[in-house]
Amino acid sequence: MTAKLNAGLKPLLGVAGVLTAMLVAPVAAQAPELAMLSGLRDGAWDIKIRGEDTRSRLCVHRGREFIQIRHKQQACERVVVEDTASQVTVHYSCPKAGFGQTTIRKETATLVQISTQGVEGRLPFNFGAEARYAGAC
């Protein structure tokens, strides 16, 4: 009787092991969200908007500051649209202040290309920019 019971349990245990592996493996393989941004140099970055002569400086600590260039101080809800080793795209919505979607492409740890569009207040914006590391904040 015990032999029959063990023989019947073996296939079930095998299936349970495979299902457990399928559930656990994807979780273990996931990288931290927006890891590319964390790989950028901390410090001051010069931002040059394409087509304009003005430059601005942004103090960067984890790279996420590039996401909301037009909504810097706003507490916004973010949704990650794309997250690869060289590029991230994030959509964000700021209550009563507008929304935007920004794509950041990493060329090196000290140079990124930024494309962003959205609405600030009631006015639309759409621009590309280059950000270069400039030193300490």
Protein backbone atom coordinates (compact mmCIF):
# COMPACT_ATOMS: atom_id res chain seq x y z
CA MET A 1 0.00 0.00 0.00
CA THR A 2 2.82 2.37 0.88
CA ALA A 3 4.56 1.61 -2.42
CA LYS A 4 1.37 2.46 -4.36
CA LEU A 5 0.96 5.70 -2.41
CA ASN A 6 4.58 6.72 -3.06
CA ALA A 7 4.27 5.83 -6.74
CA GLY A 8 1.16 8.04 -7.04
CA LEU A 9 2.78 10.99 -5.24
CA LYS A 10 5.95 11.09 -7.37
CA PRO A 11 4.31 12.61 -10.46
CA LEU A 12 2.45 15.15 -8.32
CA LEU A 13 5.65 16.18 -6.52
CA GLY A 14 7.42 16.55 -9.86
CA VAL A 15 4.67 18.82 -11.20
CA ALA A 16 4.67 20.85 -7.98
CA GLY A 17 8.44 21.32 -8.26
CA VAL A 18 8.19 22.55 -11.85
CA LEU A 19 5.38 24.98 -10.98
CA THR A 20 7.34 26.34 -8.01
CA ALA A 21 10.40 26.88 -10.21
CA MET A 22 8.30 28.70 -12.81
CA LEU A 23 6.91 31.06 -10.18
CA VAL A 24 10.17 31.77 -8.36
CA ALA A 25 12.57 32.08 -11.34
CA PRO A 26 11.07 35.26 -12.86
CA VAL A 27 11.12 37.04 -9.50
CA ALA A 28 14.76 36.18 -8.93
CA ALA A 29 15.71 37.34 -12.44
CA GLN A 30 14.14 40.81 -12.26
CA ALA A 31 16.51 43.78 -12.02
CA PRO A 32 15.74 46.79 -9.83
CA GLU A 33 13.33 49.22 -11.46
CA LEU A 34 15.06 52.01 -13.42
CA ALA A 35 18.49 50.55 -12.68
CA MET A 36 19.96 52.41 -15.67
CA LEU A 37 19.31 55.75 -13.96
CA SER A 38 21.02 54.58 -10.79
CA GLY A 39 24.13 53.88 -12.87
CA LEU A 40 24.54 57.54 -13.84
CA ARG A 41 27.09 59.75 -12.05
CA ASP A 42 25.80 61.62 -9.02
CA GLY A 43 26.44 65.35 -9.14
CA ALA A 44 25.74 68.43 -11.25
CA TRP A 45 24.56 67.93 -14.82
CA ASP A 46 24.32 70.59 -17.53
CA ILE A 47 21.15 70.31 -19.58
CA LYS A 48 21.07 71.81 -23.07
CA ILE A 49 17.66 71.89 -24.73
CA ARG A 50 17.98 71.31 -28.47
CA GLY A 51 17.22 74.42 -30.52
CA GLU A 52 17.74 76.83 -27.60
CA ASP A 53 20.82 78.71 -26.42
CA THR A 54 20.02 78.33 -22.74
CA ARG A 55 21.55 75.79 -20.40
CA SER A 56 20.37 74.75 -16.98
CA ARG A 57 22.07 72.83 -14.21
CA LEU A 58 20.45 70.01 -12.27
CA CYS A 59 21.81 68.30 -9.16
CA VAL A 60 21.34 64.55 -9.66
CA HIS A 61 21.46 61.95 -6.89
CA ARG A 62 19.85 58.84 -8.39
CA GLY A 63 19.12 59.81 -11.99
CA ARG A 64 15.39 60.05 -11.44
CA GLU A 65 15.61 63.85 -11.47
CA PHE A 66 15.74 63.69 -15.30
CA ILE A 67 12.23 62.19 -15.47
CA GLN A 68 10.35 65.35 -14.47
CA ILE A 69 12.39 68.23 -15.90
CA ARG A 70 9.22 70.33 -16.31
CA HIS A 71 7.56 69.22 -13.06
CA LYS A 72 10.64 69.26 -10.79
CA GLN A 73 9.10 69.84 -7.39
CA GLN A 74 5.78 68.11 -8.00
CA ALA A 75 4.71 64.92 -6.25
CA CYS A 76 3.66 62.93 -9.30
CA GLU A 77 2.49 59.39 -9.87
CA ARG A 78 4.82 57.47 -12.21
CA VAL A 79 4.35 54.49 -14.49
CA VAL A 80 7.38 52.84 -16.06
CA VAL A 81 6.69 52.20 -19.75
CA GLU A 82 10.15 50.94 -20.78
CA ASP A 83 13.09 49.89 -18.62
CA THR A 84 16.19 48.52 -20.35
CA ALA A 85 19.92 48.72 -19.68
CA SER A 86 20.31 51.72 -22.00
CA GLN A 87 16.91 53.43 -22.06
CA VAL A 88 13.95 54.16 -19.80
CA THR A 89 10.57 55.70 -20.56
CA VAL A 90 8.35 56.93 -17.74
CA HIS A 91 4.86 58.42 -17.90
CA TYR A 92 3.92 60.64 -14.96
CA SER A 93 0.85 62.52 -13.81
CA CYS A 94 0.92 65.44 -11.36
CA PRO A 95 -2.42 66.38 -9.75
CA LYS A 96 -3.47 69.90 -10.80
CA ALA A 97 -0.06 70.53 -12.45
CA GLY A 98 -0.11 68.44 -15.63
CA PHE A 99 1.56 65.29 -16.91
CA GLY A 100 4.39 64.11 -19.09
CA GLN A 101 6.28 61.25 -20.64
CA THR A 102 10.06 61.20 -20.68
CA THR A 103 12.49 58.90 -22.44
CA ILE A 104 16.10 58.90 -21.25
CA ARG A 105 18.75 57.17 -23.35
CA LYS A 106 22.12 56.52 -21.75
CA GLU A 107 25.17 56.99 -23.95
CA THR A 108 27.68 56.84 -21.08
CA ALA A 109 27.53 57.25 -17.29
CA THR A 110 28.12 60.98 -17.90
CA LEU A 111 26.01 61.65 -21.02
CA VAL A 112 22.30 61.08 -21.64
CA GLN A 113 19.77 62.09 -24.30
CA ILE A 114 16.34 63.17 -23.04
CA SER A 115 13.06 63.41 -24.94
CA THR A 116 10.02 64.68 -23.05
CA GLN A 117 6.53 65.88 -23.81
CA GLY A 118 3.40 66.66 -21.88
CA VAL A 119 1.40 69.48 -20.34
CA GLU A 120 2.62 71.85 -17.65
CA GLY A 121 -0.25 73.82 -16.17
CA ARG A 122 -2.38 74.17 -19.30
CA LEU A 123 0.47 74.58 -21.78
CA PRO A 124 1.92 71.74 -23.86
CA PHE A 125 5.65 71.10 -24.08
CA ASN A 126 7.72 68.86 -26.31
CA PHE A 127 11.52 68.98 -26.50
CA GLY A 128 14.73 67.04 -26.69
CA ALA A 129 17.79 67.72 -24.56
CA GLU A 130 21.28 66.51 -23.88
CA ALA A 131 22.55 66.23 -20.32
CA ARG A 132 26.28 66.07 -19.48
CA TYR A 133 27.89 65.47 -16.12
CA ALA A 134 29.62 68.68 -14.94
CA GLY A 135 31.06 67.79 -11.53
CA ALA A 136 29.98 68.00 -7.92
CA CYS A 137 26.76 69.73 -6.88
